Amino acid sequence: MNMSSTMLAPRAEGRRPVVGYVFTLNRRPGAQSPQSTPSNLFWGALELAEAGYQVEHFYPSSYVRGLLARSRFAAYFIFLVKARQELAECDVLYVSAHNVILAAALGKFLGVVKPELLVVQGAVHIGLPRGGWRRPFLRVLDRWALKKAAITLYLTAEEARLARRHAGLEDKKVGWIRFGVDAGFYQESAETKDNCIIAIGNDGNRDWPILSEIATRLPDVSFKVVTQDARIRRFSFPGNVEVCTGLDLARSKILLARARGLLLATKPNLHFSGMTTVMNAMLVGTPVVLDEAEALPDYFLRPGGNCLAFKRGDAGAAVACLRRLFDDAGLWRQLREEGLLMREAFGMKAFGATLARHVENIAAGKANRAPALEVTAQPEIST
C-alpha cells in the first residue's frame, strides 16, 4: 500500500487531484516479476502517476484477510470502511472491478466513501442488459449504483449506448474510453516467424469449438492455444493444435511474436472480448484475423486494411482469411506494417491522458456539465 503519512489539505486551486486506485483481492500485479508485468494491468494508475498526479494504491487484501476475503462484495465493503480515513484524502476514487464498484456505490450511499467515484468497466456487465428473469431488478440496482459515480466509462461506444438506454442514465453519467496496452512491453520483435497461428484468451467468451473446427479444416497449419482457463480441458482439438497452459506473460508474448498470425474467435458478447490480445499482436508485428464486432471502428480496426475479419461463427470464412495470410505475402506485410503504426493509439499513455481529463473534470466539479463522449474523443490515426 502506498499511503501518505500526513493528511492532505483541502484541494487548492492549481493542485492536481489526488487519485486513489483500488485493486482487487487477488495477488498484486507484478508481485512476483515486476519487470515482466505490462502496465495495463494497473489500468492507467501508473500513467497518471507519470503525468504528475499523486496516485495512492489501495490493496483490499491489506485490510481484509481469511474467510472474510472469500465473501468478495462484503470483503470490499469492509475494506472501504476500514480504509475510510485514507480514502478521504483522495479527491477521486478510481474503481474497475465488479464487486468493488457495487461496494463503492454502497459506501457513497452510506457516506463511508467521500471521494468522487470514477468507474471504468472492462468485461463488467453492470448497467448492461443481463439477468434473464432478474433483469428488471438488476436494472434498478445498476441505475442506483451507477448514479453514485461521477461518471462510468465503458471500453466501447456500443456498451456505453446500451448502458445509457438500459439503466436510463443521461449522456453525462455514462461514456466510453479507448483502452490501451503497454507499448513498451509489447514491441516489434526480431523473433523468427513460425508458420503457426496462435489463439490467446482466458475468458469464457472465446469460441474454442469453432477454433477446433477451423484447425480441422487446415490440417497443414499448426495452431497454438494459450490460455489459463481450466475449462479448456473440456474441448477436443485435432492433432495440429497445441494447448499451452501455465505460461507467464513474457513467454506468451514470445509465442505471439513468433506466430504467423493471431486468430480471435469469440462467442456473442457485449464487450470487445479479446481487445487487448488484438492490440498486443499488432504491436509485436503479428497480423490479426478476428470475427466482426461492433467495436472494431472504436479501435481503428479496418478489415482489409490493418486486419482481416470474418462473420462470427463462420468457420469457412475464417479458414479463407487464414489461407490469405499464408498465400499472399504482400497482404501479410501490409497487415504487419499497418498494425505497427498503431503504437501511439494503442499505448497506455493515450489511455492515461484521457483518464486524466476525466479526473480533472470530476475534481473540478464539471463531470455533470461536460458531455462524456466529448472528453473521451481521441485523435484520429492516419495510416
Protein backbone atom coordinates (compact mmCIF):
# COMPACT_ATOMS: atom_id res chain seq x y z
CA MET A 1 0.00 0.00 0.00
CA ASN A 2 1.31 3.41 -0.97
CA MET A 3 -0.09 5.85 1.58
CA SER A 4 0.77 9.42 2.50
CA SER A 5 1.96 9.86 6.07
CA THR A 6 0.09 13.15 6.56
CA MET A 7 -3.44 14.25 5.85
CA LEU A 8 -3.81 16.32 2.71
CA ALA A 9 -5.13 19.84 2.90
CA PRO A 10 -8.37 20.63 1.06
CA ARG A 11 -7.70 20.81 -2.65
CA ALA A 12 -6.36 24.23 -3.51
CA GLU A 13 -6.63 25.86 -6.90
CA GLY A 14 -3.81 24.61 -9.10
CA ARG A 15 -3.18 21.47 -7.08
CA ARG A 16 -3.67 18.32 -9.09
CA PRO A 17 -6.31 15.92 -7.81
CA VAL A 18 -5.21 13.01 -5.66
CA VAL A 19 -6.38 9.73 -7.15
CA GLY A 20 -6.96 6.53 -5.23
CA TYR A 21 -6.93 3.34 -7.30
CA VAL A 22 -8.48 0.24 -5.74
CA PHE A 23 -7.09 -3.14 -6.74
CA THR A 24 -8.88 -6.45 -6.30
CA LEU A 25 -8.36 -9.04 -3.59
CA ASN A 26 -6.24 -11.09 -5.96
CA ARG A 27 -2.44 -11.11 -5.96
CA ARG A 28 -0.88 -7.75 -6.70
CA PRO A 29 0.18 -7.28 -10.34
CA GLY A 30 3.91 -7.75 -10.69
CA ALA A 31 4.36 -9.09 -7.18
CA GLN A 32 6.46 -11.96 -8.49
CA SER A 33 8.16 -10.40 -11.55
CA PRO A 34 7.56 -6.65 -11.88
CA GLN A 35 9.76 -6.38 -14.99
CA SER A 36 7.50 -8.86 -16.79
CA THR A 37 4.25 -7.11 -15.91
CA PRO A 38 2.60 -4.90 -18.56
CA SER A 39 1.49 -1.54 -17.18
CA ASN A 40 -2.06 -2.04 -18.48
CA LEU A 41 -2.63 -4.47 -15.59
CA PHE A 42 -2.68 -1.32 -13.42
CA TRP A 43 -5.45 0.22 -15.57
CA GLY A 44 -3.83 3.61 -16.07
CA ALA A 45 -2.79 4.22 -12.46
CA LEU A 46 0.91 4.18 -13.41
CA GLU A 47 0.37 6.56 -16.33
CA LEU A 48 -1.50 9.01 -14.09
CA ALA A 49 1.46 8.98 -11.70
CA GLU A 50 3.91 9.54 -14.58
CA ALA A 51 1.81 12.53 -15.65
CA GLY A 52 2.32 14.13 -12.24
CA TYR A 53 -0.75 13.02 -10.31
CA GLN A 54 -0.44 11.70 -6.79
CA VAL A 55 -1.85 8.18 -7.04
CA GLU A 56 -2.49 6.11 -3.94
CA HIS A 57 -2.70 2.33 -4.45
CA PHE A 58 -5.24 0.60 -2.21
CA TYR A 59 -4.98 -3.15 -1.78
CA PRO A 60 -8.09 -4.58 -0.07
CA SER A 61 -6.10 -7.69 0.87
CA SER A 62 -4.10 -5.46 3.25
CA TYR A 63 -7.30 -4.80 5.20
CA VAL A 64 -9.33 -7.99 4.85
CA ARG A 65 -7.93 -11.48 5.30
CA GLY A 66 -9.00 -15.04 5.96
CA LEU A 67 -12.57 -16.22 5.49
CA LEU A 68 -13.86 -12.67 5.05
CA ALA A 69 -11.81 -12.30 1.87
CA ARG A 70 -13.87 -15.04 0.25
CA SER A 71 -17.09 -13.07 0.56
CA ARG A 72 -15.98 -10.65 -2.19
CA PHE A 73 -18.65 -7.91 -2.02
CA ALA A 74 -18.70 -7.89 1.79
CA ALA A 75 -14.90 -8.01 1.84
CA TYR A 76 -14.64 -4.93 -0.36
CA PHE A 77 -17.19 -3.04 1.70
CA ILE A 78 -15.34 -3.90 4.92
CA PHE A 79 -12.14 -2.67 3.27
CA LEU A 80 -13.85 0.63 2.39
CA VAL A 81 -14.98 1.05 5.99
CA LYS A 82 -11.55 0.24 7.42
CA ALA A 83 -9.73 2.47 4.93
CA ARG A 84 -12.24 5.36 5.02
CA GLN A 85 -9.79 7.83 6.58
CA GLU A 86 -7.09 7.15 3.98
CA LEU A 87 -9.70 7.20 1.21
CA ALA A 88 -10.91 10.59 2.39
CA GLU A 89 -7.50 12.04 1.49
CA CYS A 90 -8.25 11.39 -2.20
CA ASP A 91 -10.25 13.65 -4.49
CA VAL A 92 -11.18 10.85 -6.88
CA LEU A 93 -11.52 7.14 -6.23
CA TYR A 94 -10.91 5.02 -9.35
CA VAL A 95 -12.53 1.57 -9.36
CA SER A 96 -12.88 -1.01 -12.11
CA ALA A 97 -13.86 -4.44 -10.72
CA HIS A 98 -17.44 -5.68 -10.35
CA ASN A 99 -17.72 -6.10 -6.58
CA VAL A 100 -15.56 -3.05 -5.92
CA ILE A 101 -17.97 -0.93 -7.98
CA LEU A 102 -21.03 -2.16 -6.07
CA ALA A 103 -19.31 -1.84 -2.69
CA ALA A 104 -18.14 1.70 -3.51
CA ALA A 105 -21.67 2.67 -4.54
CA LEU A 106 -22.99 1.44 -1.20
CA GLY A 107 -20.17 3.28 0.52
CA LYS A 108 -21.18 6.51 -1.21
CA PHE A 109 -24.81 5.95 -0.24
CA LEU A 110 -23.89 5.45 3.43
CA GLY A 111 -21.35 8.29 3.47
CA VAL A 112 -18.38 5.99 4.10
CA VAL A 113 -16.72 6.86 0.79
CA LYS A 114 -16.01 10.58 0.48
CA PRO A 115 -14.13 10.94 -2.86
CA GLU A 116 -15.98 11.19 -6.14
CA LEU A 117 -16.15 7.89 -8.00
CA LEU A 118 -14.61 7.28 -11.41
CA VAL A 119 -15.74 3.90 -12.72
CA VAL A 120 -14.15 2.14 -15.70
CA GLN A 121 -15.72 -1.14 -16.80
CA GLY A 122 -13.92 -3.71 -18.90
CA ALA A 123 -15.63 -7.08 -19.06
CA VAL A 124 -18.00 -6.00 -16.28
CA HIS A 125 -21.69 -6.00 -17.17
CA ILE A 126 -23.04 -3.58 -14.58
CA GLY A 127 -25.51 -1.35 -16.42
CA LEU A 128 -25.80 -3.66 -19.44
CA PRO A 129 -28.74 -5.93 -20.34
CA ARG A 130 -28.39 -9.23 -18.47
CA GLY A 131 -30.02 -11.48 -15.93
CA GLY A 132 -32.97 -13.15 -17.63
CA TRP A 133 -35.93 -13.10 -15.24
CA ARG A 134 -33.87 -10.95 -12.83
CA ARG A 135 -33.33 -8.24 -15.41
CA PRO A 136 -35.86 -5.70 -14.01
CA PHE A 137 -34.30 -5.97 -10.55
CA LEU A 138 -30.77 -5.72 -11.93
CA ARG A 139 -31.73 -2.70 -14.00
CA VAL A 140 -32.87 -0.88 -10.85
CA LEU A 141 -29.72 -1.97 -8.98
CA ASP A 142 -27.47 -0.87 -11.84
CA ARG A 143 -29.14 2.51 -12.15
CA TRP A 144 -28.78 3.04 -8.40
CA ALA A 145 -25.10 2.00 -8.42
CA LEU A 146 -24.06 4.00 -11.49
CA LYS A 147 -25.80 7.14 -10.24
CA LYS A 148 -23.41 7.11 -7.29
CA ALA A 149 -20.46 7.55 -9.64
CA ALA A 150 -19.41 10.89 -11.10
CA ILE A 151 -19.03 9.07 -14.40
CA THR A 152 -18.90 5.49 -15.65
CA LEU A 153 -16.76 4.68 -18.66
CA TYR A 154 -17.10 1.56 -20.77
CA LEU A 155 -14.44 0.40 -23.21
CA THR A 156 -16.61 0.59 -26.34
CA ALA A 157 -19.13 3.09 -27.66
CA GLU A 158 -21.82 0.41 -28.07
CA GLU A 159 -21.56 -0.63 -24.42
CA ALA A 160 -21.98 2.99 -23.36
CA ARG A 161 -25.02 3.38 -25.61
CA LEU A 162 -26.62 0.20 -24.24
CA ALA A 163 -25.86 1.20 -20.65
CA ARG A 164 -27.42 4.64 -21.06
CA ARG A 165 -30.57 3.10 -22.51
CA HIS A 166 -30.77 0.09 -20.21
CA ALA A 167 -30.08 1.92 -16.95
CA GLY A 168 -31.94 5.06 -18.01
CA LEU A 169 -28.98 7.35 -17.44
CA GLU A 170 -28.12 10.52 -19.30
CA ASP A 171 -25.04 11.01 -21.50
CA LYS A 172 -23.16 12.98 -18.87
CA LYS A 173 -23.17 9.99 -16.50
CA VAL A 174 -22.03 7.31 -18.97
CA GLY A 175 -19.34 7.44 -21.65
CA TRP A 176 -16.61 5.31 -23.16
CA ILE A 177 -12.84 5.33 -23.22
CA ARG A 178 -10.47 3.50 -25.54
CA PHE A 179 -8.33 1.11 -23.53
CA GLY A 180 -4.65 0.56 -24.23
CA VAL A 181 -1.77 -1.86 -23.72
CA ASP A 182 1.83 -1.47 -22.63
CA ALA A 183 3.52 -0.39 -25.87
CA GLY A 184 6.92 -0.72 -24.20
CA PHE A 185 6.32 -4.30 -23.16
CA TYR A 186 4.74 -5.28 -26.50
CA GLN A 187 7.27 -4.16 -29.10
CA GLU A 188 8.12 -5.34 -32.60
CA SER A 189 10.23 -8.43 -32.20
CA ALA A 190 13.17 -9.85 -34.12
CA GLU A 191 11.83 -13.32 -33.39
CA THR A 192 11.75 -15.55 -36.47
CA LYS A 193 8.19 -16.14 -37.61
CA ASP A 194 6.90 -19.69 -37.32
CA ASN A 195 4.25 -20.96 -39.71
CA CYS A 196 1.72 -21.25 -36.93
CA ILE A 197 -1.47 -19.48 -35.88
CA ILE A 198 -1.88 -18.51 -32.24
CA ALA A 199 -5.06 -18.06 -30.22
CA ILE A 200 -4.85 -16.46 -26.76
CA GLY A 201 -7.51 -15.92 -24.16
CA ASN A 202 -8.66 -16.67 -20.64
CA ASP A 203 -12.27 -15.55 -20.55
CA GLY A 204 -15.37 -17.60 -21.27
CA ASN A 205 -16.15 -15.70 -24.45
CA ARG A 206 -13.50 -17.46 -26.53
CA ASP A 207 -15.12 -19.86 -29.00
CA TRP A 208 -12.81 -22.87 -28.69
CA PRO A 209 -15.13 -25.29 -30.54
CA ILE A 210 -15.08 -23.17 -33.71
CA LEU A 211 -11.29 -22.85 -33.43
CA SER A 212 -11.17 -26.64 -33.34
CA GLU A 213 -13.32 -26.76 -36.49
CA ILE A 214 -11.08 -24.22 -38.22
CA ALA A 215 -7.96 -26.19 -37.32
CA THR A 216 -9.57 -29.38 -38.61
CA ARG A 217 -10.11 -27.69 -41.99
CA LEU A 218 -6.47 -26.58 -42.07
CA PRO A 219 -4.58 -29.80 -41.24
CA ASP A 220 -1.36 -28.42 -42.78
CA VAL A 221 -1.29 -25.45 -40.37
CA SER A 222 -0.04 -25.59 -36.78
CA PHE A 223 -2.11 -23.86 -34.09
CA LYS A 224 -1.16 -22.87 -30.56
CA VAL A 225 -3.83 -22.17 -27.93
CA VAL A 226 -2.51 -20.15 -24.99
CA THR A 227 -4.89 -19.94 -22.04
CA GLN A 228 -5.18 -20.07 -18.26
CA ASP A 229 -8.82 -21.15 -18.50
CA ALA A 230 -9.17 -24.56 -16.81
CA ARG A 231 -12.28 -25.23 -18.92
CA ILE A 232 -10.03 -25.76 -21.94
CA ARG A 233 -9.85 -29.42 -20.86
CA ARG A 234 -13.48 -29.83 -21.88
CA PHE A 235 -12.73 -29.25 -25.53
CA SER A 236 -11.32 -31.66 -28.09
CA PHE A 237 -8.78 -30.40 -30.62
CA PRO A 238 -7.24 -32.07 -33.68
CA GLY A 239 -3.59 -33.12 -33.67
CA ASN A 240 -2.36 -29.86 -35.25
CA VAL A 241 -3.41 -27.86 -32.16
CA GLU A 242 -1.04 -27.49 -29.22
CA VAL A 243 -2.63 -26.26 -25.98
CA CYS A 244 -0.26 -24.21 -23.80
CA THR A 245 -1.31 -23.54 -20.20
CA GLY A 246 0.52 -22.04 -17.26
CA LEU A 247 2.62 -19.63 -19.34
CA ASP A 248 3.55 -16.24 -17.92
CA LEU A 249 3.04 -13.07 -19.96
CA ALA A 250 6.67 -12.89 -21.06
CA ARG A 251 6.57 -16.40 -22.54
CA SER A 252 3.17 -15.92 -24.20
CA LYS A 253 4.48 -12.68 -25.70
CA ILE A 254 7.36 -14.59 -27.34
CA LEU A 255 4.92 -17.11 -28.83
CA LEU A 256 2.70 -14.25 -30.04
CA ALA A 257 5.65 -12.52 -31.72
CA ARG A 258 6.72 -15.74 -33.46
CA ALA A 259 3.27 -16.58 -34.85
CA ARG A 260 2.30 -16.07 -38.48
CA GLY A 261 -0.99 -14.64 -37.29
CA LEU A 262 -3.40 -14.28 -34.37
CA LEU A 263 -6.85 -15.84 -34.60
CA LEU A 264 -9.59 -14.38 -32.40
CA ALA A 265 -12.84 -16.34 -32.48
CA THR A 266 -15.45 -15.37 -29.89
CA LYS A 267 -18.97 -16.11 -28.80
CA PRO A 268 -21.50 -13.25 -28.99
CA ASN A 269 -20.60 -10.75 -26.26
CA LEU A 270 -21.48 -7.19 -25.36
CA HIS A 271 -17.89 -6.05 -24.82
CA PHE A 272 -14.96 -6.44 -27.20
CA SER A 273 -13.66 -9.78 -25.94
CA GLY A 274 -10.02 -10.20 -26.96
CA MET A 275 -9.43 -6.48 -27.37
CA THR A 276 -6.09 -6.37 -25.54
CA THR A 277 -4.87 -9.53 -27.27
CA VAL A 278 -5.54 -7.94 -30.65
CA MET A 279 -3.64 -4.79 -29.72
CA ASN A 280 -0.74 -6.81 -28.29
CA ALA A 281 -0.46 -8.82 -31.51
CA MET A 282 -0.45 -5.77 -33.76
CA LEU A 283 2.24 -4.06 -31.68
CA VAL A 284 4.60 -7.05 -31.89
CA GLY A 285 4.05 -7.28 -35.66
CA THR A 286 1.70 -10.26 -35.84
CA PRO A 287 -1.25 -9.85 -38.26
CA VAL A 288 -4.73 -10.35 -36.83
CA VAL A 289 -7.71 -12.38 -38.08
CA LEU A 290 -10.81 -11.84 -35.95
CA ASP A 291 -14.56 -12.10 -36.05
CA GLU A 292 -16.56 -8.99 -36.80
CA ALA A 293 -17.61 -6.94 -33.79
CA GLU A 294 -19.44 -3.67 -33.24
CA ALA A 295 -16.34 -2.15 -31.65
CA LEU A 296 -13.84 -2.61 -34.48
CA PRO A 297 -14.03 1.08 -35.55
CA ASP A 298 -13.64 2.17 -31.90
CA TYR A 299 -10.16 0.65 -32.00
CA PHE A 300 -9.27 1.80 -35.53
CA LEU A 301 -9.57 -1.75 -36.88
CA ARG A 302 -10.17 -1.76 -40.65
CA PRO A 303 -10.85 -5.17 -42.19
CA GLY A 304 -8.69 -5.49 -45.30
CA GLY A 305 -6.50 -2.60 -44.10
CA ASN A 306 -4.85 -3.49 -40.80
CA CYS A 307 -6.69 -6.75 -40.05
CA LEU A 308 -8.83 -9.45 -41.63
CA ALA A 309 -12.34 -10.13 -40.34
CA PHE A 310 -14.93 -12.85 -40.78
CA LYS A 311 -18.56 -13.21 -39.72
CA ARG A 312 -18.78 -14.56 -36.18
CA GLY A 313 -19.34 -18.31 -36.22
CA ASP A 314 -18.42 -18.74 -39.90
CA ALA A 315 -15.59 -21.27 -39.86
CA GLY A 316 -15.33 -21.31 -43.65
CA ALA A 317 -14.79 -17.55 -43.80
CA ALA A 318 -12.17 -17.77 -41.05
CA VAL A 319 -10.33 -20.50 -42.97
CA ALA A 320 -10.33 -18.32 -46.09
CA CYS A 321 -8.82 -15.41 -44.12
CA LEU A 322 -6.09 -17.60 -42.67
CA ARG A 323 -5.28 -19.01 -46.10
CA ARG A 324 -4.73 -15.46 -47.33
CA LEU A 325 -2.17 -14.91 -44.55
CA PHE A 326 -0.12 -17.82 -45.87
CA ASP A 327 -0.69 -17.38 -49.61
CA ASP A 328 -0.44 -13.59 -50.06
CA ALA A 329 2.95 -12.34 -48.84
CA GLY A 330 2.14 -8.77 -49.86
CA LEU A 331 -1.06 -8.75 -47.81
CA TRP A 332 0.76 -10.24 -44.82
CA ARG A 333 3.39 -7.48 -44.93
CA GLN A 334 0.68 -4.83 -45.28
CA LEU A 335 -1.21 -6.11 -42.22
CA ARG A 336 2.00 -6.26 -40.22
CA GLU A 337 3.12 -2.75 -41.15
CA GLU A 338 -0.32 -1.22 -40.64
CA GLY A 339 -0.55 -2.86 -37.23
CA LEU A 340 2.80 -1.48 -36.13
CA LEU A 341 1.57 2.03 -36.97
CA MET A 342 -0.97 1.76 -34.15
CA ARG A 343 1.66 2.02 -31.42
CA GLU A 344 0.73 5.51 -30.28
CA ALA A 345 -3.03 4.96 -30.48
CA PHE A 346 -2.89 1.66 -28.59
CA GLY A 347 -0.36 2.72 -25.95
CA MET A 348 -1.31 3.26 -22.33
CA LYS A 349 -0.18 6.88 -22.49
CA ALA A 350 -3.16 7.68 -24.70
CA PHE A 351 -5.48 5.89 -22.27
CA GLY A 352 -3.86 7.65 -19.31
CA ALA A 353 -4.22 11.07 -20.94
CA THR A 354 -7.95 10.54 -21.47
CA LEU A 355 -8.31 9.21 -17.94
CA ALA A 356 -6.56 12.33 -16.62
CA ARG A 357 -9.07 14.61 -18.35
CA HIS A 358 -11.88 12.80 -16.59
CA VAL A 359 -10.10 13.07 -13.25
CA GLU A 360 -9.68 16.82 -13.74
CA ASN A 361 -13.32 17.29 -14.75
CA ILE A 362 -14.58 15.30 -11.79
CA ALA A 363 -12.35 17.07 -9.28
CA ALA A 364 -13.32 20.45 -10.68
CA GLY A 365 -17.00 19.63 -10.36
CA LYS A 366 -17.51 19.64 -14.14
CA ALA A 367 -18.47 16.00 -14.62
CA ASN A 368 -22.19 16.83 -14.56
CA ARG A 369 -21.84 19.55 -17.19
CA ALA A 370 -19.49 18.11 -19.83
CA PRO A 371 -20.84 15.53 -22.32
CA ALA A 372 -18.92 12.30 -21.72
CA LEU A 373 -18.12 11.48 -25.31
CA GLU A 374 -16.58 14.88 -25.96
CA VAL A 375 -13.85 14.33 -23.39
CA THR A 376 -13.24 10.72 -24.43
CA ALA A 377 -12.63 11.63 -28.05
CA GLN A 378 -9.20 10.54 -29.27
CA PRO A 379 -7.21 11.86 -32.22
CA GLU A 380 -7.75 10.02 -35.49
CA ILE A 381 -4.87 7.90 -36.70
CA SER A 382 -3.71 8.28 -40.27
CA THR A 383 -2.26 5.13 -41.79
